[in-house]
């Protein structure tokens, strides 16, 4: 499966260079200016932006007929799907590392003038971006194997909208449970753990669904 993962990274390498350069410039601008708005947007969106690259690379793979070629290799279809999920998680995590480094540099240089609740606000931004990017993949991959690469753009739009809606519903749920009375550190971290557990369960369910769709396809 390592070969499949390497191939997935080769598929995003070209666009990754451009996006990495863009994020690097934005990150440097954030560090130099110390602008709170840039920090919030950059930290939250770095992981989803790189996540989009992993998802959109499926169109290139489909157009080059590489998907059909992989079926002739001595690998099972579930391994092909697993390699894409692993690659997507690695891309999302790379975005988190990118965002964390520049956020830390900004706080070190300008001081903590950004996070009212301190460390947990920073965690919310960083993990919020990661959860958003992971949810995008969980929605996109089953749709891709169901609809095909011809509808990659539509799949991207639906995955972004769907992930944002899920995050919004989770936020509403947390606000409802706390009755807007403020969230203690204990409640905050318990909620965070629950969100991560839900995300992990959704990842497994998405993977199983995608495998079943792929195995039912005839090429």
N, C-alpha and C. Protein backbone atom coordinates (compact mmCIF):
# COMPACT_ATOMS: atom_id res chain seq x y z
N UNK A 1 0.82 -1.21 0.00
CA UNK A 1 0.00 0.00 0.00
C UNK A 1 0.86 1.26 0.00
N UNK A 2 2.12 1.12 0.41
CA UNK A 2 3.01 2.29 0.41
C UNK A 2 3.15 2.88 -0.98
N UNK A 3 3.19 1.98 -1.99
CA UNK A 3 3.29 2.45 -3.37
C UNK A 3 2.07 3.25 -3.79
N UNK A 4 0.89 2.83 -3.33
CA UNK A 4 -0.33 3.54 -3.65
C UNK A 4 -0.33 4.93 -3.01
N UNK A 5 0.15 5.00 -1.76
CA UNK A 5 0.20 6.29 -1.07
C UNK A 5 1.18 7.23 -1.76
N UNK A 6 2.33 6.70 -2.17
CA UNK A 6 3.30 7.52 -2.90
C UNK A 6 2.69 8.06 -4.19
N UNK A 7 1.95 7.19 -4.89
CA UNK A 7 1.31 7.63 -6.13
C UNK A 7 0.30 8.74 -5.87
N UNK A 8 -0.44 8.64 -4.76
CA UNK A 8 -1.40 9.68 -4.41
C UNK A 8 -0.70 11.02 -4.18
N UNK A 9 0.46 10.98 -3.54
CA UNK A 9 1.20 12.22 -3.30
C UNK A 9 1.77 12.79 -4.59
N UNK A 10 2.20 11.92 -5.50
CA UNK A 10 2.66 12.40 -6.79
C UNK A 10 1.53 13.12 -7.53
N UNK A 11 0.30 12.66 -7.31
CA UNK A 11 -0.84 13.26 -7.97
C UNK A 11 -1.13 14.68 -7.50
N UNK A 12 -0.77 14.99 -6.25
CA UNK A 12 -1.03 16.33 -5.73
C UNK A 12 0.22 17.21 -5.71
N UNK A 13 1.36 16.63 -6.09
CA UNK A 13 2.64 17.34 -5.94
C UNK A 13 2.68 18.65 -6.70
N UNK A 14 2.22 18.65 -7.96
CA UNK A 14 2.28 19.87 -8.77
C UNK A 14 1.50 21.01 -8.14
N UNK A 15 0.25 20.76 -7.81
CA UNK A 15 -0.57 21.79 -7.20
C UNK A 15 -0.14 22.10 -5.77
N UNK A 16 0.44 21.09 -5.10
CA UNK A 16 0.90 21.30 -3.72
C UNK A 16 1.97 22.38 -3.66
N UNK A 17 2.85 22.43 -4.65
CA UNK A 17 3.90 23.44 -4.66
C UNK A 17 3.30 24.85 -4.73
N UNK A 18 2.28 25.01 -5.57
CA UNK A 18 1.64 26.31 -5.72
C UNK A 18 0.91 26.70 -4.44
N UNK A 19 0.14 25.76 -3.91
CA UNK A 19 -0.63 26.04 -2.69
C UNK A 19 0.31 26.28 -1.50
N UNK A 20 1.39 25.51 -1.41
CA UNK A 20 2.35 25.70 -0.31
C UNK A 20 2.98 27.07 -0.38
N UNK A 21 3.29 27.52 -1.60
CA UNK A 21 3.86 28.85 -1.76
C UNK A 21 2.86 29.92 -1.32
N UNK A 22 1.60 29.75 -1.68
CA UNK A 22 0.55 30.69 -1.29
C UNK A 22 0.40 30.73 0.23
N UNK A 23 0.36 29.54 0.85
CA UNK A 23 0.23 29.47 2.31
C UNK A 23 1.45 30.05 3.01
N UNK A 24 2.62 29.84 2.41
CA UNK A 24 3.84 30.39 2.99
C UNK A 24 3.82 31.91 2.99
N UNK A 25 3.39 32.49 1.87
CA UNK A 25 3.29 33.95 1.78
C UNK A 25 2.26 34.47 2.78
N UNK A 26 1.12 33.81 2.85
CA UNK A 26 0.07 34.24 3.79
C UNK A 26 0.54 34.08 5.24
N UNK A 27 1.27 33.00 5.50
CA UNK A 27 1.78 32.78 6.84
C UNK A 27 2.80 33.84 7.24
N UNK A 28 3.69 34.20 6.33
CA UNK A 28 4.68 35.24 6.60
C UNK A 28 3.99 36.58 6.83
N UNK A 29 2.96 36.85 6.01
CA UNK A 29 2.19 38.10 6.17
C UNK A 29 1.54 38.13 7.55
N UNK A 30 1.04 36.99 7.98
CA UNK A 30 0.42 36.89 9.30
C UNK A 30 1.44 37.18 10.40
N UNK A 31 2.62 36.59 10.29
CA UNK A 31 3.66 36.77 11.30
C UNK A 31 4.13 38.23 11.34
N UNK A 32 4.30 38.83 10.17
CA UNK A 32 4.82 40.21 10.11
C UNK A 32 3.80 41.21 10.63
N UNK A 33 2.55 41.08 10.20
CA UNK A 33 1.53 42.07 10.58
C UNK A 33 0.90 41.79 11.94
N UNK A 34 0.81 40.51 12.31
CA UNK A 34 0.14 40.17 13.55
C UNK A 34 -1.35 40.41 13.51
N UNK A 35 -1.90 40.46 12.31
CA UNK A 35 -3.32 40.74 12.14
C UNK A 35 -4.16 39.55 12.62
N UNK A 36 -5.09 39.83 13.52
CA UNK A 36 -5.90 38.76 14.12
C UNK A 36 -6.79 38.07 13.09
N UNK A 37 -7.33 38.84 12.15
CA UNK A 37 -8.22 38.26 11.14
C UNK A 37 -7.47 37.27 10.27
N UNK A 38 -6.26 37.65 9.84
CA UNK A 38 -5.45 36.75 9.02
C UNK A 38 -5.11 35.48 9.81
N UNK A 39 -4.77 35.65 11.09
CA UNK A 39 -4.43 34.50 11.92
C UNK A 39 -5.60 33.52 12.00
N UNK A 40 -6.79 34.04 12.23
CA UNK A 40 -7.96 33.18 12.36
C UNK A 40 -8.25 32.44 11.05
N UNK A 41 -8.24 33.18 9.95
CA UNK A 41 -8.55 32.59 8.65
C UNK A 41 -7.49 31.57 8.25
N UNK A 42 -6.23 31.95 8.41
CA UNK A 42 -5.13 31.07 8.01
C UNK A 42 -5.12 29.79 8.83
N UNK A 43 -5.25 29.91 10.13
CA UNK A 43 -5.20 28.74 11.01
C UNK A 43 -6.36 27.80 10.74
N UNK A 44 -7.53 28.35 10.48
CA UNK A 44 -8.71 27.53 10.25
C UNK A 44 -8.74 26.90 8.87
N UNK A 45 -8.18 27.58 7.86
CA UNK A 45 -8.36 27.16 6.48
C UNK A 45 -7.16 26.44 5.87
N UNK A 46 -6.00 26.44 6.53
CA UNK A 46 -4.82 25.80 5.95
C UNK A 46 -5.06 24.32 5.66
N UNK A 47 -5.58 23.59 6.64
CA UNK A 47 -5.84 22.16 6.46
C UNK A 47 -6.90 21.89 5.39
N UNK A 48 -8.06 22.57 5.40
CA UNK A 48 -9.05 22.33 4.34
C UNK A 48 -8.53 22.63 2.93
N UNK A 49 -7.70 23.65 2.79
CA UNK A 49 -7.17 23.99 1.46
C UNK A 49 -6.32 22.85 0.93
N UNK A 50 -5.43 22.32 1.77
CA UNK A 50 -4.60 21.20 1.33
C UNK A 50 -5.46 19.95 1.13
N UNK A 51 -6.49 19.81 1.94
CA UNK A 51 -7.42 18.68 1.80
C UNK A 51 -8.09 18.68 0.43
N UNK A 52 -8.43 19.87 -0.05
CA UNK A 52 -9.07 19.99 -1.36
C UNK A 52 -8.15 19.46 -2.46
N UNK A 53 -6.84 19.66 -2.29
CA UNK A 53 -5.89 19.15 -3.28
C UNK A 53 -5.97 17.63 -3.37
N UNK A 54 -6.02 16.98 -2.22
CA UNK A 54 -6.09 15.52 -2.20
C UNK A 54 -7.36 15.02 -2.87
N UNK A 55 -8.46 15.71 -2.64
CA UNK A 55 -9.73 15.29 -3.24
C UNK A 55 -9.75 15.57 -4.74
N UNK A 56 -9.30 16.75 -5.14
CA UNK A 56 -9.35 17.13 -6.56
C UNK A 56 -8.38 16.31 -7.41
N UNK A 57 -7.35 15.73 -6.78
CA UNK A 57 -6.40 14.92 -7.56
C UNK A 57 -7.05 13.67 -8.12
N UNK A 58 -8.20 13.29 -7.57
CA UNK A 58 -8.90 12.11 -8.08
C UNK A 58 -9.36 12.31 -9.51
N UNK A 59 -9.68 13.56 -9.87
CA UNK A 59 -10.10 13.83 -11.24
C UNK A 59 -8.95 13.58 -12.21
N UNK A 60 -7.75 14.04 -11.84
CA UNK A 60 -6.58 13.80 -12.69
C UNK A 60 -6.31 12.30 -12.82
N UNK A 61 -6.46 11.61 -11.71
CA UNK A 61 -6.23 10.17 -11.72
C UNK A 61 -7.23 9.45 -12.61
N UNK A 62 -8.49 9.88 -12.55
CA UNK A 62 -9.51 9.26 -13.38
C UNK A 62 -9.30 9.56 -14.86
N UNK A 63 -8.91 10.81 -15.16
CA UNK A 63 -8.70 11.20 -16.56
C UNK A 63 -7.53 10.45 -17.18
N UNK A 64 -6.53 10.12 -16.38
CA UNK A 64 -5.35 9.41 -16.90
C UNK A 64 -5.56 7.90 -16.93
N UNK A 65 -6.74 7.46 -16.52
CA UNK A 65 -7.09 6.03 -16.48
C UNK A 65 -6.25 5.25 -15.47
N UNK A 66 -5.61 5.97 -14.55
CA UNK A 66 -4.79 5.30 -13.55
C UNK A 66 -5.64 4.44 -12.62
N UNK A 67 -6.88 4.87 -12.38
CA UNK A 67 -7.78 4.08 -11.51
C UNK A 67 -7.99 2.69 -12.08
N UNK A 68 -8.23 2.61 -13.39
CA UNK A 68 -8.44 1.31 -14.03
C UNK A 68 -7.15 0.50 -14.04
N UNK A 69 -6.03 1.19 -14.22
CA UNK A 69 -4.76 0.48 -14.24
C UNK A 69 -4.47 -0.14 -12.88
N UNK A 70 -4.80 0.56 -11.80
CA UNK A 70 -4.56 0.03 -10.46
C UNK A 70 -5.31 -1.27 -10.22
N UNK A 71 -6.45 -1.43 -10.91
CA UNK A 71 -7.23 -2.65 -10.73
C UNK A 71 -6.53 -3.87 -11.31
N UNK A 72 -5.56 -3.65 -12.19
CA UNK A 72 -4.79 -4.77 -12.75
C UNK A 72 -3.61 -5.16 -11.87
N UNK A 73 -3.33 -4.34 -10.86
CA UNK A 73 -2.22 -4.62 -9.96
C UNK A 73 -2.65 -5.62 -8.88
N UNK A 74 -1.69 -6.30 -8.26
CA UNK A 74 -2.03 -7.28 -7.21
C UNK A 74 -2.39 -6.61 -5.89
N UNK A 75 -3.40 -5.75 -5.92
CA UNK A 75 -3.87 -5.09 -4.71
C UNK A 75 -5.39 -5.18 -4.68
N UNK A 76 -5.92 -5.24 -3.49
CA UNK A 76 -7.37 -5.31 -3.35
C UNK A 76 -7.95 -3.90 -3.43
N UNK A 77 -9.21 -3.84 -3.79
CA UNK A 77 -9.85 -2.54 -3.93
C UNK A 77 -9.91 -1.79 -2.60
N UNK A 78 -10.06 -2.51 -1.52
CA UNK A 78 -10.11 -1.85 -0.22
C UNK A 78 -8.77 -1.20 0.11
N UNK A 79 -7.68 -1.77 -0.41
CA UNK A 79 -6.36 -1.16 -0.19
C UNK A 79 -6.21 0.13 -0.99
N UNK A 80 -6.80 0.16 -2.17
CA UNK A 80 -6.79 1.39 -2.97
C UNK A 80 -7.53 2.50 -2.24
N UNK A 81 -8.70 2.16 -1.72
CA UNK A 81 -9.50 3.15 -0.97
C UNK A 81 -8.76 3.57 0.30
N UNK A 82 -8.21 2.61 1.01
CA UNK A 82 -7.49 2.92 2.25
C UNK A 82 -6.33 3.87 1.99
N UNK A 83 -5.61 3.66 0.89
CA UNK A 83 -4.48 4.53 0.57
C UNK A 83 -4.93 5.97 0.36
N UNK A 84 -6.12 6.15 -0.23
CA UNK A 84 -6.63 7.51 -0.45
C UNK A 84 -7.05 8.17 0.86
N UNK A 85 -7.65 7.39 1.75
CA UNK A 85 -8.03 7.94 3.06
C UNK A 85 -6.79 8.31 3.88
N UNK A 86 -5.79 7.44 3.84
CA UNK A 86 -4.55 7.73 4.56
C UNK A 86 -3.87 8.98 3.99
N UNK A 87 -3.81 9.07 2.67
CA UNK A 87 -3.20 10.23 2.03
C UNK A 87 -3.94 11.51 2.40
N UNK A 88 -5.27 11.42 2.43
CA UNK A 88 -6.07 12.59 2.78
C UNK A 88 -5.83 13.03 4.22
N UNK A 89 -5.73 12.06 5.13
CA UNK A 89 -5.46 12.38 6.54
C UNK A 89 -4.07 13.01 6.69
N UNK A 90 -3.11 12.51 5.93
CA UNK A 90 -1.76 13.07 5.99
C UNK A 90 -1.73 14.50 5.46
N UNK A 91 -2.47 14.75 4.37
CA UNK A 91 -2.55 16.10 3.82
C UNK A 91 -3.22 17.05 4.82
N UNK A 92 -4.29 16.58 5.44
CA UNK A 92 -4.98 17.41 6.43
C UNK A 92 -4.07 17.71 7.62
N UNK A 93 -3.32 16.72 8.04
CA UNK A 93 -2.40 16.90 9.17
C UNK A 93 -1.26 17.85 8.80
N UNK A 94 -0.82 17.79 7.54
CA UNK A 94 0.22 18.71 7.09
C UNK A 94 -0.27 20.15 7.17
N UNK A 95 -1.53 20.36 6.82
CA UNK A 95 -2.11 21.70 6.93
C UNK A 95 -2.15 22.18 8.37
N UNK A 96 -2.44 21.26 9.30
CA UNK A 96 -2.46 21.60 10.72
C UNK A 96 -1.07 22.00 11.20
N UNK A 97 -0.06 21.25 10.78
CA UNK A 97 1.32 21.57 11.17
C UNK A 97 1.70 22.95 10.63
N UNK A 98 1.36 23.21 9.38
CA UNK A 98 1.62 24.49 8.74
C UNK A 98 0.99 25.62 9.55
N UNK A 99 -0.29 25.46 9.88
CA UNK A 99 -1.02 26.49 10.60
C UNK A 99 -0.47 26.70 12.01
N UNK A 100 -0.12 25.59 12.68
CA UNK A 100 0.37 25.66 14.06
C UNK A 100 1.69 26.40 14.14
N UNK A 101 2.58 26.13 13.20
CA UNK A 101 3.90 26.77 13.21
C UNK A 101 3.77 28.29 13.09
N UNK A 102 2.97 28.74 12.13
CA UNK A 102 2.84 30.18 11.92
C UNK A 102 2.03 30.85 13.03
N UNK A 103 1.06 30.13 13.59
CA UNK A 103 0.32 30.69 14.71
C UNK A 103 1.24 30.86 15.92
N UNK A 104 2.08 29.86 16.18
CA UNK A 104 3.02 29.95 17.31
C UNK A 104 4.01 31.09 17.11
N UNK A 105 4.52 31.24 15.91
CA UNK A 105 5.46 32.33 15.63
C UNK A 105 4.80 33.69 15.83
N UNK A 106 3.55 33.80 15.39
CA UNK A 106 2.82 35.07 15.54
C UNK A 106 2.62 35.42 17.01
N UNK A 107 2.24 34.44 17.81
CA UNK A 107 2.02 34.68 19.24
C UNK A 107 3.34 35.00 19.94
N UNK A 108 4.41 34.32 19.56
CA UNK A 108 5.71 34.58 20.17
C UNK A 108 6.20 36.01 19.89
N UNK A 109 5.93 36.47 18.67
CA UNK A 109 6.41 37.81 18.28
C UNK A 109 5.50 38.92 18.81
N UNK A 110 4.20 38.74 18.71
CA UNK A 110 3.25 39.80 19.04
C UNK A 110 2.59 39.62 20.40
N UNK A 111 2.83 38.49 21.04
CA UNK A 111 2.18 38.23 22.32
C UNK A 111 0.80 37.63 22.13
N UNK A 112 0.24 37.11 23.21
CA UNK A 112 -1.09 36.49 23.12
C UNK A 112 -2.18 37.56 23.24
N UNK A 113 -2.41 38.23 22.13
CA UNK A 113 -3.47 39.23 22.08
C UNK A 113 -4.66 38.72 21.27
N UNK A 114 -4.67 37.38 21.02
CA UNK A 114 -5.64 36.81 20.10
C UNK A 114 -6.65 35.89 20.77
N UNK A 115 -6.26 35.23 21.84
CA UNK A 115 -7.07 34.16 22.41
C UNK A 115 -7.54 34.54 23.82
N UNK A 116 -8.84 34.85 23.92
CA UNK A 116 -9.41 35.29 25.20
C UNK A 116 -9.32 34.18 26.26
N UNK A 117 -9.58 32.93 25.81
CA UNK A 117 -9.53 31.81 26.75
C UNK A 117 -8.17 31.09 26.72
N UNK A 118 -7.18 31.73 26.11
CA UNK A 118 -5.84 31.16 26.10
C UNK A 118 -5.69 29.95 25.21
N UNK A 119 -5.05 28.91 25.74
CA UNK A 119 -4.65 27.75 24.95
C UNK A 119 -5.83 27.08 24.26
N UNK A 120 -6.96 27.01 24.92
CA UNK A 120 -8.07 26.27 24.33
C UNK A 120 -8.65 26.97 23.10
N UNK A 121 -8.54 28.28 23.01
CA UNK A 121 -8.98 28.97 21.79
C UNK A 121 -8.09 28.60 20.62
N UNK A 122 -6.78 28.50 20.89
CA UNK A 122 -5.85 28.09 19.85
C UNK A 122 -6.15 26.66 19.39
N UNK A 123 -6.44 25.79 20.35
CA UNK A 123 -6.78 24.40 20.02
C UNK A 123 -8.06 24.35 19.18
N UNK A 124 -9.03 25.19 19.50
CA UNK A 124 -10.28 25.22 18.75
C UNK A 124 -10.03 25.58 17.28
N UNK A 125 -9.20 26.57 17.05
CA UNK A 125 -8.89 26.98 15.67
C UNK A 125 -8.18 25.87 14.91
N UNK A 126 -7.14 25.33 15.52
CA UNK A 126 -6.32 24.32 14.84
C UNK A 126 -7.12 23.05 14.57
N UNK A 127 -7.75 22.51 15.61
CA UNK A 127 -8.51 21.27 15.43
C UNK A 127 -9.78 21.50 14.63
N UNK A 128 -10.32 22.73 14.70
CA UNK A 128 -11.49 23.04 13.88
C UNK A 128 -11.17 22.90 12.40
N UNK A 129 -10.01 23.40 12.00
CA UNK A 129 -9.59 23.27 10.61
C UNK A 129 -9.36 21.82 10.23
N UNK A 130 -8.75 21.06 11.15
CA UNK A 130 -8.48 19.64 10.87
C UNK A 130 -9.77 18.85 10.74
N UNK A 131 -10.69 19.04 11.67
CA UNK A 131 -11.97 18.33 11.62
C UNK A 131 -12.74 18.69 10.35
N UNK A 132 -12.72 19.96 9.99
CA UNK A 132 -13.40 20.40 8.76
C UNK A 132 -12.82 19.69 7.54
N UNK A 133 -11.50 19.61 7.46
CA UNK A 133 -10.86 18.98 6.30
C UNK A 133 -11.14 17.48 6.26
N UNK A 134 -11.13 16.83 7.43
CA UNK A 134 -11.41 15.39 7.49
C UNK A 134 -12.86 15.11 7.08
N UNK A 135 -13.79 15.91 7.56
CA UNK A 135 -15.19 15.75 7.19
C UNK A 135 -15.39 15.91 5.68
N UNK A 136 -14.65 16.82 5.08
CA UNK A 136 -14.74 17.00 3.63
C UNK A 136 -14.39 15.71 2.91
N UNK A 137 -13.32 15.06 3.36
CA UNK A 137 -12.93 13.79 2.74
C UNK A 137 -13.96 12.70 2.98
N UNK A 138 -14.54 12.68 4.17
CA UNK A 138 -15.53 11.66 4.50
C UNK A 138 -16.77 11.77 3.61
N UNK A 139 -17.07 12.97 3.18
CA UNK A 139 -18.21 13.17 2.27
C UNK A 139 -17.80 12.94 0.82
N UNK A 140 -16.61 13.39 0.46
CA UNK A 140 -16.19 13.40 -0.94
C UNK A 140 -15.91 12.00 -1.50
N UNK A 141 -15.22 11.15 -0.76
CA UNK A 141 -14.79 9.87 -1.33
C UNK A 141 -15.93 8.93 -1.70
N UNK A 142 -16.95 8.77 -0.83
CA UNK A 142 -18.08 7.94 -1.28
C UNK A 142 -18.77 8.50 -2.52
N UNK A 143 -18.92 9.82 -2.56
CA UNK A 143 -19.57 10.44 -3.72
C UNK A 143 -18.74 10.25 -4.98
N UNK A 144 -17.42 10.33 -4.83
CA UNK A 144 -16.55 10.15 -6.00
C UNK A 144 -16.72 8.76 -6.60
N UNK A 145 -16.71 7.74 -5.77
CA UNK A 145 -16.84 6.39 -6.29
C UNK A 145 -18.27 6.08 -6.73
N UNK A 146 -19.21 6.87 -6.26
CA UNK A 146 -20.60 6.68 -6.68
C UNK A 146 -20.88 7.39 -8.00
N UNK A 147 -20.36 8.62 -8.16
CA UNK A 147 -20.67 9.45 -9.32
C UNK A 147 -19.57 9.49 -10.37
N UNK A 148 -18.35 9.23 -10.00
CA UNK A 148 -17.25 9.27 -10.97
C UNK A 148 -16.54 10.60 -10.99
N UNK A 149 -15.37 10.61 -11.68
CA UNK A 149 -14.52 11.81 -11.68
C UNK A 149 -15.12 12.96 -12.47
N UNK A 150 -16.11 12.67 -13.34
CA UNK A 150 -16.71 13.74 -14.13
C UNK A 150 -17.39 14.79 -13.26
N UNK A 151 -17.79 14.41 -12.06
CA UNK A 151 -18.51 15.33 -11.17
C UNK A 151 -17.65 15.76 -9.98
N UNK A 152 -16.33 15.78 -10.19
CA UNK A 152 -15.42 16.12 -9.09
C UNK A 152 -15.69 17.52 -8.54
N UNK A 153 -15.94 18.49 -9.43
CA UNK A 153 -16.19 19.87 -8.97
C UNK A 153 -17.44 19.93 -8.08
N UNK A 154 -18.50 19.24 -8.53
CA UNK A 154 -19.74 19.21 -7.72
C UNK A 154 -19.48 18.52 -6.39
N UNK A 155 -18.72 17.45 -6.42
CA UNK A 155 -18.39 16.72 -5.19
C UNK A 155 -17.62 17.61 -4.23
N UNK A 156 -16.68 18.39 -4.74
CA UNK A 156 -15.92 19.31 -3.90
C UNK A 156 -16.84 20.33 -3.23
N UNK A 157 -17.75 20.90 -4.01
CA UNK A 157 -18.68 21.89 -3.46
C UNK A 157 -19.55 21.27 -2.38
N UNK A 158 -20.09 20.09 -2.66
CA UNK A 158 -20.97 19.42 -1.70
C UNK A 158 -20.21 19.03 -0.43
N UNK A 159 -18.96 18.61 -0.60
CA UNK A 159 -18.17 18.20 0.57
C UNK A 159 -17.86 19.39 1.47
N UNK A 160 -17.56 20.54 0.85
CA UNK A 160 -17.29 21.74 1.64
C UNK A 160 -18.54 22.20 2.37
N UNK A 161 -19.66 22.28 1.64
CA UNK A 161 -20.92 22.71 2.25
C UNK A 161 -21.35 21.74 3.34
N UNK A 162 -21.26 20.44 3.04
CA UNK A 162 -21.66 19.43 4.02
C UNK A 162 -20.83 19.48 5.29
N UNK A 163 -19.51 19.63 5.13
CA UNK A 163 -18.62 19.69 6.30
C UNK A 163 -18.91 20.92 7.15
N UNK A 164 -19.14 22.06 6.49
CA UNK A 164 -19.45 23.29 7.23
C UNK A 164 -20.77 23.14 7.98
N UNK A 165 -21.76 22.51 7.34
CA UNK A 165 -23.05 22.31 7.99
C UNK A 165 -22.91 21.40 9.22
N UNK A 166 -22.08 20.37 9.11
CA UNK A 166 -21.88 19.46 10.24
C UNK A 166 -21.22 20.19 11.40
N UNK A 167 -20.18 20.99 11.09
CA UNK A 167 -19.50 21.78 12.12
C UNK A 167 -20.49 22.74 12.78
N UNK A 168 -21.34 23.36 11.97
CA UNK A 168 -22.33 24.30 12.48
C UNK A 168 -23.32 23.60 13.42
N UNK A 169 -23.77 22.41 13.03
CA UNK A 169 -24.72 21.65 13.87
C UNK A 169 -24.07 21.23 15.18
N UNK A 170 -22.80 20.83 15.11
CA UNK A 170 -22.09 20.46 16.33
C UNK A 170 -21.99 21.66 17.27
N UNK A 171 -21.68 22.83 16.70
CA UNK A 171 -21.56 24.05 17.51
C UNK A 171 -22.89 24.39 18.16
N UNK A 172 -23.98 24.25 17.40
CA UNK A 172 -25.31 24.50 17.97
C UNK A 172 -25.60 23.53 19.11
N UNK A 173 -25.21 22.27 18.91
CA UNK A 173 -25.44 21.28 19.95
C UNK A 173 -24.69 21.60 21.23
N UNK A 174 -23.43 22.02 21.09
CA UNK A 174 -22.63 22.38 22.27
C UNK A 174 -23.24 23.59 22.97
N UNK A 175 -23.65 24.60 22.19
CA UNK A 175 -24.27 25.80 22.78
C UNK A 175 -25.58 25.46 23.49
N UNK A 176 -26.34 24.54 22.91
CA UNK A 176 -27.61 24.15 23.52
C UNK A 176 -27.37 23.43 24.84
N UNK A 177 -26.39 22.54 24.88
CA UNK A 177 -26.11 21.77 26.09
C UNK A 177 -25.58 22.65 27.21
N UNK A 178 -24.82 23.68 26.83
CA UNK A 178 -24.25 24.56 27.86
C UNK A 178 -25.18 25.72 28.18
N UNK A 179 -26.26 25.86 27.42
CA UNK A 179 -27.26 26.91 27.64
C UNK A 179 -26.62 28.31 27.62
N UNK A 180 -25.53 28.44 26.82
CA UNK A 180 -24.86 29.75 26.68
C UNK A 180 -24.41 30.34 28.02
N UNK A 181 -24.16 29.47 29.02
CA UNK A 181 -23.74 29.95 30.33
C UNK A 181 -22.22 29.96 30.48
N UNK A 182 -21.53 29.78 29.39
CA UNK A 182 -20.09 29.69 29.46
C UNK A 182 -19.66 28.24 29.58
N UNK A 183 -18.53 27.93 29.03
CA UNK A 183 -18.05 26.56 29.00
C UNK A 183 -16.79 26.46 29.85
N UNK A 184 -16.84 25.64 30.87
CA UNK A 184 -15.67 25.43 31.71
C UNK A 184 -14.63 24.62 30.94
N UNK A 185 -13.42 24.61 31.44
CA UNK A 185 -12.35 23.85 30.78
C UNK A 185 -12.71 22.37 30.69
N UNK A 186 -13.28 21.83 31.77
CA UNK A 186 -13.64 20.41 31.78
C UNK A 186 -14.68 20.09 30.71
N UNK A 187 -15.73 20.91 30.65
CA UNK A 187 -16.78 20.70 29.64
C UNK A 187 -16.21 20.89 28.24
N UNK A 188 -15.34 21.88 28.09
CA UNK A 188 -14.74 22.14 26.77
C UNK A 188 -13.97 20.92 26.27
N UNK A 189 -13.10 20.39 27.10
CA UNK A 189 -12.25 19.28 26.66
C UNK A 189 -13.05 17.99 26.48
N UNK A 190 -14.09 17.81 27.30
CA UNK A 190 -14.97 16.66 27.09
C UNK A 190 -15.69 16.78 25.74
N UNK A 191 -16.16 17.99 25.42
CA UNK A 191 -16.82 18.22 24.13
C UNK A 191 -15.86 17.99 22.98
N UNK A 192 -14.61 18.44 23.16
CA UNK A 192 -13.60 18.27 22.12
C UNK A 192 -13.32 16.80 21.86
N UNK A 193 -13.21 16.03 22.93
CA UNK A 193 -12.97 14.59 22.79
C UNK A 193 -14.14 13.91 22.09
N UNK A 194 -15.37 14.32 22.44
CA UNK A 194 -16.55 13.74 21.79
C UNK A 194 -16.57 14.06 20.30
N UNK A 195 -16.19 15.29 19.95
CA UNK A 195 -16.16 15.68 18.53
C UNK A 195 -15.14 14.84 17.78
N UNK A 196 -13.98 14.62 18.39
CA UNK A 196 -12.94 13.80 17.75
C UNK A 196 -13.39 12.35 17.59
N UNK A 197 -14.11 11.85 18.61
CA UNK A 197 -14.63 10.48 18.53
C UNK A 197 -15.66 10.36 17.41
N UNK A 198 -16.56 11.35 17.33
CA UNK A 198 -17.58 11.35 16.27
C UNK A 198 -16.91 11.42 14.89
N UNK A 199 -15.88 12.25 14.78
CA UNK A 199 -15.16 12.37 13.52
C UNK A 199 -14.50 11.05 13.14
N UNK A 200 -13.91 10.36 14.12
CA UNK A 200 -13.26 9.08 13.87
C UNK A 200 -14.27 8.02 13.43
N UNK A 201 -15.41 7.99 14.12
CA UNK A 201 -16.46 7.02 13.75
C UNK A 201 -16.97 7.30 12.34
N UNK A 202 -17.16 8.58 12.04
CA UNK A 202 -17.62 8.96 10.70
C UNK A 202 -16.59 8.57 9.64
N UNK A 203 -15.31 8.68 9.98
CA UNK A 203 -14.24 8.30 9.05
C UNK A 203 -14.31 6.80 8.74
N UNK A 204 -14.51 6.01 9.76
CA UNK A 204 -14.60 4.57 9.56
C UNK A 204 -15.83 4.21 8.72
N UNK A 205 -16.97 4.82 9.05
CA UNK A 205 -18.20 4.55 8.30
C UNK A 205 -18.06 4.98 6.84
N UNK A 206 -17.44 6.13 6.62
CA UNK A 206 -17.22 6.62 5.25
C UNK A 206 -16.33 5.66 4.48
N UNK A 207 -15.28 5.17 5.13
CA UNK A 207 -14.36 4.22 4.49
C UNK A 207 -15.08 2.94 4.11
N UNK A 208 -15.85 2.39 5.04
CA UNK A 208 -16.57 1.14 4.77
C UNK A 208 -17.56 1.33 3.62
N UNK A 209 -18.27 2.46 3.62
CA UNK A 209 -19.22 2.75 2.55
C UNK A 209 -18.52 2.88 1.21
N UNK A 210 -17.39 3.57 1.19
CA UNK A 210 -16.65 3.76 -0.06
C UNK A 210 -16.15 2.43 -0.60
N UNK A 211 -15.64 1.58 0.28
CA UNK A 211 -15.17 0.26 -0.15
C UNK A 211 -16.31 -0.54 -0.78
N UNK A 212 -17.47 -0.51 -0.15
CA UNK A 212 -18.61 -1.26 -0.69
C UNK A 212 -19.04 -0.72 -2.05
N UNK A 213 -19.04 0.60 -2.20
CA UNK A 213 -19.41 1.19 -3.50
C UNK A 213 -18.40 0.79 -4.56
N UNK A 214 -17.10 0.89 -4.22
CA UNK A 214 -16.04 0.57 -5.17
C UNK A 214 -16.07 -0.90 -5.56
N UNK A 215 -16.31 -1.78 -4.59
CA UNK A 215 -16.32 -3.21 -4.89
C UNK A 215 -17.54 -3.62 -5.71
N UNK A 216 -18.58 -2.79 -5.68
CA UNK A 216 -19.78 -3.11 -6.46
C UNK A 216 -19.68 -2.59 -7.89
N UNK A 217 -18.66 -1.76 -8.16
CA UNK A 217 -18.49 -1.19 -9.49
C UNK A 217 -17.83 -2.19 -10.43
N UNK A 218 -18.20 -2.12 -11.70
CA UNK A 218 -17.55 -2.92 -12.73
C UNK A 218 -16.85 -2.00 -13.71
N UNK A 219 -15.57 -2.22 -13.94
CA UNK A 219 -14.79 -1.35 -14.84
C UNK A 219 -14.33 -2.17 -16.04
